Amino acid sequence: HFFALCLGTRTAEGLLCTAFHFFPSFGWFSTALFCGRPLCLPPLSSHMSGVGSPSGAAVAAEGEPLLRRVDLSAEVVGLVLGVPRKANPLSRPMLQGLLAHLQALARTQEVRVVLMASEGKNFCGGHELREILEGSPEEHRSLFELCSAVMMQIHAMPCPVIAVVQGNAAAAGCQLAAACDLVVCSAQAQFSVPGINLGLFCHTPGVELGRAIGTKQAFEMLVTGDRIDAPTALARGLVNVVVPDAGEDPTTPVCSSARFKAALGLADKIRAKEPHAIRSGKKTFYEQLSQRTVSEAYAVAVPTISCDCSSEAARRGIEAFLKRPSATSPPPGNP
């Protein structure tokens, strides 16, 4: 009755149906389903204070950390969303914490890869609906501007960001995954932008989704609210790797999961490459994609590759290759 009074009957029905659709036991609002088991790689003590602080963990009202930074090595850092009982929503404090951590990591030359992961059965269920329900138009605008700033910061990161997805990645959760440079997901993962089921088109998630997959496929998801499974997401180019997880306990700590180990394997491949080439490559790749024409894209790419050819790292690599006995053969791996 409360939802019907605030939102109207049809919108209220859509909200409740979507909650049951994602969580048959209505776990979205139940603390019983999500026990919030601790992460097996605990954050350092210096990362445990302050909302949105790059050296701290945002803390929920219930006292649980919203977001944790996990230093997996000197070069690989994990950012772990930590409110599994609510499907890790992108609340305002969560977004503030993500933005602060990403900005801090962007200033750190040593960090080569960032893993975006979450605890619990689901990657991210989207925005905190109560914030939207109770917010003013001005608060809505600032919330979505903050969320957009997080997504744009992911693109602006000098290092690749890998999303590690399990369960549902819905609405802004799907947006977060699509914004990352690479996506590794479990075989049980599902992706959706179901705002239309509540009478609210997912305008901002559509920005990332429409750039990650085909336009018509993205629009179909946006106007139907339908979920796609992991194999479909792989076929459409939304994810890079689907990791079999049959028999894996849903409560397995994220760092012990098969999907996380696969993401670390991908991170290790990236770490083995020349750091400047990765930084330069990511920047140019997205910049040239944003150009209107192919000729404008080449106008971005040609000066960059010309400059990079003169770098010490490139010269060392080319000289080493030319000294090989079979220098006329292509280098190992894909060019």
Protein backbone atom coordinates (compact mmCIF):
# COMPACT_ATOMS: atom_id res chain seq x y z
CA HIS A 1 0.00 0.00 0.00
CA PHE A 2 2.87 2.37 0.78
CA PHE A 3 4.41 1.81 -2.67
CA ALA A 4 1.03 2.23 -4.34
CA LEU A 5 0.43 5.57 -2.61
CA CYS A 6 3.88 6.91 -3.45
CA LEU A 7 4.33 5.55 -6.96
CA GLY A 8 0.93 4.64 -8.30
CA THR A 9 -0.47 1.14 -8.53
CA ARG A 10 1.17 0.00 -11.78
CA THR A 11 4.61 1.34 -10.85
CA ALA A 12 4.36 -0.21 -7.39
CA GLU A 13 3.42 -3.54 -8.92
CA GLY A 14 6.39 -3.31 -11.26
CA LEU A 15 8.74 -2.57 -8.38
CA LEU A 16 7.55 -5.52 -6.33
CA CYS A 17 7.45 -7.88 -9.30
CA THR A 18 11.00 -6.96 -10.23
CA ALA A 19 12.14 -7.60 -6.65
CA PHE A 20 10.53 -11.05 -6.74
CA HIS A 21 11.89 -11.62 -10.25
CA PHE A 22 15.49 -11.08 -9.14
CA PHE A 23 15.14 -12.62 -5.68
CA PRO A 24 12.43 -15.30 -5.44
CA SER A 25 12.64 -15.29 -1.66
CA PHE A 26 12.37 -11.51 -1.70
CA GLY A 27 15.94 -11.45 -0.47
CA TRP A 28 16.38 -7.86 -1.63
CA PHE A 29 14.82 -6.76 1.64
CA SER A 30 15.86 -9.72 3.79
CA THR A 31 19.04 -9.90 5.83
CA ALA A 32 18.59 -13.62 6.28
CA LEU A 33 19.71 -14.48 2.75
CA PHE A 34 22.93 -12.49 2.86
CA CYS A 35 25.03 -13.22 5.90
CA GLY A 36 27.86 -10.95 4.78
CA ARG A 37 30.72 -13.38 5.29
CA PRO A 38 34.09 -11.63 5.60
CA LEU A 39 36.40 -11.42 2.61
CA CYS A 40 39.28 -13.89 2.82
CA LEU A 41 41.74 -11.14 1.87
CA PRO A 42 41.06 -8.59 4.62
CA PRO A 43 41.80 -4.96 3.88
CA LEU A 44 44.83 -3.34 5.42
CA SER A 45 44.18 -1.37 8.60
CA SER A 46 44.96 1.84 6.74
CA HIS A 47 41.98 1.15 4.46
CA MET A 48 39.31 0.90 7.14
CA SER A 49 38.18 4.41 8.00
CA GLY A 50 36.29 7.23 6.40
CA VAL A 51 33.38 7.41 3.98
CA GLY A 52 34.63 7.87 0.45
CA SER A 53 38.21 8.30 1.58
CA PRO A 54 40.79 6.83 -0.78
CA SER A 55 42.59 5.46 2.25
CA GLY A 56 39.47 4.15 3.92
CA ALA A 57 36.35 2.04 3.55
CA ALA A 58 32.91 3.57 3.23
CA VAL A 59 30.79 2.24 6.08
CA ALA A 60 27.07 1.48 5.95
CA ALA A 61 24.66 2.58 8.65
CA GLU A 62 24.69 -0.97 9.98
CA GLY A 63 28.45 -0.77 10.48
CA GLU A 64 29.49 -3.02 7.59
CA PRO A 65 32.02 -1.64 5.10
CA LEU A 66 30.37 -0.55 1.87
CA LEU A 67 33.58 -0.76 -0.10
CA ARG A 68 36.98 -2.25 0.55
CA ARG A 69 40.30 -1.85 -1.16
CA VAL A 70 42.29 -5.07 -1.31
CA ASP A 71 45.96 -4.84 -2.29
CA LEU A 72 46.47 -8.14 -4.08
CA SER A 73 50.03 -7.20 -5.01
CA ALA A 74 52.03 -4.04 -5.59
CA GLU A 75 50.54 -3.84 -9.08
CA VAL A 76 47.01 -5.28 -8.75
CA VAL A 77 44.32 -3.73 -6.54
CA GLY A 78 40.80 -4.95 -5.91
CA LEU A 79 37.84 -2.72 -5.10
CA VAL A 80 35.20 -4.90 -3.47
CA LEU A 81 31.59 -3.83 -2.99
CA GLY A 82 30.55 -5.16 0.39
CA VAL A 83 26.78 -5.01 0.98
CA PRO A 84 25.70 -8.44 -0.27
CA ARG A 85 22.46 -8.52 1.71
CA LYS A 86 21.21 -5.67 -0.51
CA ALA A 87 22.87 -6.92 -3.70
CA ASN A 88 25.63 -4.29 -3.36
CA PRO A 89 23.63 -1.21 -4.45
CA LEU A 90 25.33 1.88 -5.86
CA SER A 91 24.17 4.19 -3.11
CA ARG A 92 25.53 7.71 -2.87
CA PRO A 93 28.17 6.74 -0.25
CA MET A 94 29.17 3.73 -2.35
CA LEU A 95 29.61 5.91 -5.44
CA GLN A 96 31.57 8.50 -3.45
CA GLY A 97 33.87 5.77 -2.19
CA LEU A 98 34.37 4.30 -5.66
CA LEU A 99 35.17 7.69 -7.15
CA ALA A 100 37.65 8.56 -4.39
CA HIS A 101 39.45 5.21 -4.68
CA LEU A 102 39.60 5.33 -8.47
CA GLN A 103 40.93 8.88 -8.47
CA ALA A 104 43.61 7.92 -5.95
CA LEU A 105 44.59 4.83 -7.94
CA ALA A 106 44.79 6.88 -11.14
CA ARG A 107 47.57 8.92 -9.54
CA THR A 108 49.56 5.78 -8.65
CA GLN A 109 51.99 4.68 -11.34
CA GLU A 110 52.68 1.36 -9.63
CA VAL A 111 49.11 0.04 -10.01
CA ARG A 112 48.80 -1.80 -13.32
CA VAL A 113 45.33 -3.40 -13.04
CA VAL A 114 42.20 -2.77 -10.95
CA LEU A 115 39.66 -5.52 -10.28
CA MET A 116 36.07 -4.39 -9.64
CA ALA A 117 34.40 -7.15 -7.62
CA SER A 118 31.73 -7.68 -4.99
CA GLU A 119 30.81 -10.00 -2.18
CA GLY A 120 27.80 -12.28 -2.06
CA LYS A 121 25.55 -13.91 -4.62
CA ASN A 122 25.07 -10.86 -6.84
CA PHE A 123 27.49 -8.38 -8.40
CA CYS A 124 25.34 -5.24 -8.13
CA GLY A 125 21.60 -4.68 -8.19
CA GLY A 126 21.78 -1.06 -9.34
CA HIS A 127 21.00 2.13 -7.48
CA GLU A 128 19.59 2.26 -3.96
CA LEU A 129 15.87 2.55 -4.80
CA ARG A 130 14.99 4.26 -1.54
CA GLU A 131 17.36 7.10 -2.35
CA ILE A 132 15.52 7.60 -5.62
CA LEU A 133 12.09 7.25 -4.05
CA GLU A 134 12.79 9.79 -1.31
CA GLY A 135 15.07 12.15 -3.25
CA SER A 136 14.22 15.55 -4.72
CA PRO A 137 14.81 16.37 -8.42
CA GLU A 138 18.01 18.16 -7.40
CA GLU A 139 19.17 15.12 -5.44
CA HIS A 140 18.35 12.86 -8.39
CA ARG A 141 20.46 15.05 -10.67
CA SER A 142 23.44 15.06 -8.31
CA LEU A 143 23.17 11.29 -7.81
CA PHE A 144 23.27 10.50 -11.51
CA GLU A 145 26.02 13.05 -12.10
CA LEU A 146 28.04 11.30 -9.38
CA CYS A 147 27.37 7.90 -10.95
CA SER A 148 28.38 9.22 -14.37
CA ALA A 149 31.58 10.60 -12.85
CA VAL A 150 32.45 7.11 -11.58
CA MET A 151 31.89 5.57 -15.01
CA MET A 152 33.93 8.27 -16.76
CA GLN A 153 36.70 7.84 -14.20
CA ILE A 154 36.88 4.14 -15.10
CA HIS A 155 37.41 5.14 -18.73
CA ALA A 156 39.99 7.74 -17.68
CA MET A 157 42.00 5.29 -15.58
CA PRO A 158 45.51 4.83 -17.00
CA CYS A 159 45.31 1.10 -16.27
CA PRO A 160 42.72 -1.50 -17.31
CA VAL A 161 39.78 -2.13 -14.98
CA ILE A 162 38.39 -5.67 -14.93
CA ALA A 163 34.86 -6.33 -13.67
CA VAL A 164 34.44 -9.65 -11.86
CA VAL A 165 30.74 -10.45 -12.09
CA GLN A 166 28.54 -13.06 -10.44
CA GLY A 167 24.78 -13.42 -10.13
CA ASN A 168 22.81 -10.37 -11.19
CA ALA A 169 24.32 -7.23 -12.67
CA ALA A 170 21.21 -5.10 -13.00
CA ALA A 171 20.55 -1.50 -14.06
CA ALA A 172 23.45 0.61 -12.75
CA GLY A 173 25.18 -2.67 -11.88
CA CYS A 174 25.10 -3.63 -15.55
CA GLN A 175 26.30 -0.08 -16.30
CA LEU A 176 29.25 -0.55 -13.95
CA ALA A 177 30.24 -3.84 -15.58
CA ALA A 178 29.87 -2.41 -19.10
CA ALA A 179 31.99 0.62 -18.18
CA CYS A 180 34.94 -1.59 -17.21
CA ASP A 181 37.54 -2.35 -19.86
CA LEU A 182 37.22 -6.10 -19.47
CA VAL A 183 34.61 -8.37 -17.86
CA VAL A 184 35.10 -11.83 -16.36
CA CYS A 185 31.89 -13.45 -15.15
CA SER A 186 30.64 -16.69 -13.68
CA ALA A 187 28.57 -19.02 -15.83
CA GLN A 188 25.54 -18.18 -13.71
CA ALA A 189 25.84 -14.41 -14.20
CA GLN A 190 22.95 -12.44 -15.68
CA PHE A 191 22.82 -8.90 -17.05
CA SER A 192 19.82 -6.60 -17.32
CA VAL A 193 18.60 -3.01 -17.38
CA PRO A 194 15.12 -3.56 -15.90
CA GLY A 195 14.19 0.01 -15.04
CA ILE A 196 11.48 -0.09 -17.71
CA ASN A 197 9.63 -2.61 -15.53
CA LEU A 198 9.28 0.17 -12.94
CA GLY A 199 8.19 2.74 -15.50
CA LEU A 200 11.68 4.26 -15.58
CA PHE A 201 13.90 3.92 -18.66
CA CYS A 202 17.54 3.17 -17.82
CA HIS A 203 18.90 6.25 -19.60
CA THR A 204 22.32 6.34 -17.95
CA PRO A 205 23.00 2.57 -18.04
CA GLY A 206 22.17 2.79 -21.73
CA VAL A 207 25.19 5.03 -22.28
CA GLU A 208 27.60 2.24 -21.37
CA LEU A 209 25.53 -0.66 -22.64
CA GLY A 210 25.04 0.92 -26.06
CA ARG A 211 28.78 1.33 -26.43
CA ALA A 212 29.63 -2.16 -25.21
CA ILE A 213 27.29 -4.18 -27.48
CA GLY A 214 25.30 -3.69 -30.66
CA THR A 215 22.86 -0.80 -30.71
CA LYS A 216 19.80 -2.90 -31.49
CA GLN A 217 20.67 -5.52 -28.89
CA ALA A 218 21.21 -2.83 -26.25
CA PHE A 219 17.93 -1.11 -27.10
CA GLU A 220 16.07 -4.41 -26.90
CA MET A 221 17.38 -4.94 -23.38
CA LEU A 222 16.44 -1.37 -22.44
CA VAL A 223 12.83 -1.50 -23.72
CA THR A 224 12.03 -5.04 -22.54
CA GLY A 225 13.93 -5.22 -19.25
CA ASP A 226 14.84 -8.81 -20.15
CA ARG A 227 17.89 -10.44 -18.65
CA ILE A 228 20.59 -12.08 -20.73
CA ASP A 229 22.68 -14.97 -19.45
CA ALA A 230 26.45 -15.28 -19.49
CA PRO A 231 26.76 -17.13 -22.84
CA THR A 232 24.55 -14.51 -24.51
CA ALA A 233 26.57 -11.70 -22.94
CA LEU A 234 29.74 -13.34 -24.25
CA ALA A 235 28.29 -13.69 -27.75
CA ARG A 236 27.23 -10.03 -27.76
CA GLY A 237 30.62 -8.78 -26.58
CA LEU A 238 29.54 -7.60 -23.14
CA VAL A 239 31.93 -10.00 -21.39
CA ASN A 240 35.36 -11.40 -22.26
CA VAL A 241 35.50 -14.61 -20.25
CA VAL A 242 32.82 -16.91 -18.82
CA VAL A 243 34.12 -19.06 -15.97
CA PRO A 244 32.45 -22.40 -15.17
CA ASP A 245 31.27 -22.36 -11.58
CA ALA A 246 29.11 -25.46 -11.34
CA GLY A 247 29.07 -26.71 -7.79
CA GLU A 248 30.75 -23.62 -6.36
CA ASP A 249 29.21 -22.49 -3.08
CA PRO A 250 27.54 -19.08 -3.59
CA THR A 251 28.93 -18.01 -0.22
CA THR A 252 32.52 -18.67 -1.28
CA PRO A 253 34.61 -15.58 -0.45
CA VAL A 254 35.14 -13.60 -3.62
CA CYS A 255 38.93 -13.95 -3.63
CA SER A 256 38.62 -17.75 -3.54
CA SER A 257 36.10 -17.95 -6.36
CA ALA A 258 36.87 -19.35 -9.79
CA ARG A 259 35.87 -16.09 -11.48
CA PHE A 260 38.26 -14.07 -9.33
CA LYS A 261 41.14 -16.44 -10.03
CA ALA A 262 40.40 -16.17 -13.76
CA ALA A 263 40.42 -12.36 -13.50
CA LEU A 264 43.78 -12.51 -11.72
CA GLY A 265 45.11 -14.65 -14.57
CA LEU A 266 44.01 -11.97 -17.04
CA ALA A 267 45.60 -9.30 -14.84
CA ASP A 268 48.87 -11.23 -14.85
CA LYS A 269 48.90 -11.22 -18.66
CA ILE A 270 48.44 -7.45 -18.66
CA ARG A 271 51.11 -6.93 -15.99
CA ALA A 272 53.61 -8.75 -18.19
CA LYS A 273 53.30 -6.07 -20.90
CA GLU A 274 55.16 -2.77 -21.13
CA PRO A 275 53.41 -0.32 -18.74
CA HIS A 276 53.66 2.71 -21.05
CA ALA A 277 52.22 0.74 -23.96
CA ILE A 278 49.18 -0.26 -21.87
CA ARG A 279 48.60 3.28 -20.59
CA SER A 280 49.06 4.86 -24.00
CA GLY A 281 47.00 2.14 -25.67
CA LYS A 282 43.99 2.47 -23.39
CA LYS A 283 43.91 6.26 -23.72
CA THR A 284 44.17 6.21 -27.50
CA PHE A 285 41.75 3.31 -27.95
CA TYR A 286 38.86 5.13 -26.28
CA GLU A 287 39.78 8.51 -27.72
CA GLN A 288 39.76 7.28 -31.31
CA LEU A 289 36.49 5.39 -30.75
CA SER A 290 34.84 8.66 -29.70
CA GLN A 291 35.66 10.33 -33.03
CA ARG A 292 32.89 10.79 -35.59
CA THR A 293 34.75 9.50 -38.63
CA VAL A 294 37.49 6.99 -39.42
CA SER A 295 39.74 9.79 -40.66
CA GLU A 296 39.35 11.62 -37.33
CA ALA A 297 40.14 8.38 -35.50
CA TYR A 298 43.37 7.99 -37.48
CA ALA A 299 44.20 11.62 -36.67
CA VAL A 300 44.27 10.53 -33.03
CA ALA A 301 46.04 7.19 -33.52
CA VAL A 302 48.79 8.15 -35.99
CA PRO A 303 50.56 10.80 -33.83
CA THR A 304 50.41 8.50 -30.80
CA ILE A 305 51.89 5.44 -32.46
CA SER A 306 54.50 7.63 -34.18
CA CYS A 307 55.59 8.98 -30.81
CA ASP A 308 55.50 5.56 -29.15
CA CYS A 309 57.76 4.09 -31.84
CA SER A 310 60.53 6.31 -30.49
CA SER A 311 60.10 5.19 -26.90
CA GLU A 312 62.95 3.31 -25.26
CA ALA A 313 60.69 0.37 -24.42
CA ALA A 314 59.50 -0.02 -28.02
CA ARG A 315 63.04 0.17 -29.35
CA ARG A 316 64.21 -2.48 -26.90
CA GLY A 317 61.34 -4.75 -27.85
CA ILE A 318 61.86 -4.38 -31.59
CA GLU A 319 65.63 -4.89 -31.31
CA ALA A 320 65.16 -8.01 -29.20
CA PHE A 321 62.71 -9.41 -31.73
CA LEU A 322 65.00 -8.72 -34.70
CA LYS A 323 67.81 -10.62 -32.99
CA ARG A 324 65.72 -13.77 -32.82
CA PRO A 325 66.75 -16.61 -35.20
CA SER A 326 63.33 -16.53 -36.87
CA ALA A 327 62.88 -12.77 -36.96
CA THR A 328 60.72 -12.96 -40.07
CA SER A 329 58.03 -14.92 -38.23
CA PRO A 330 55.25 -13.09 -36.36
CA PRO A 331 55.75 -12.47 -32.63
CA PRO A 332 54.09 -14.84 -30.19
CA GLY A 333 50.47 -14.11 -29.37
CA ASN A 334 48.05 -11.99 -31.34
CA PRO A 335 49.48 -8.82 -32.94
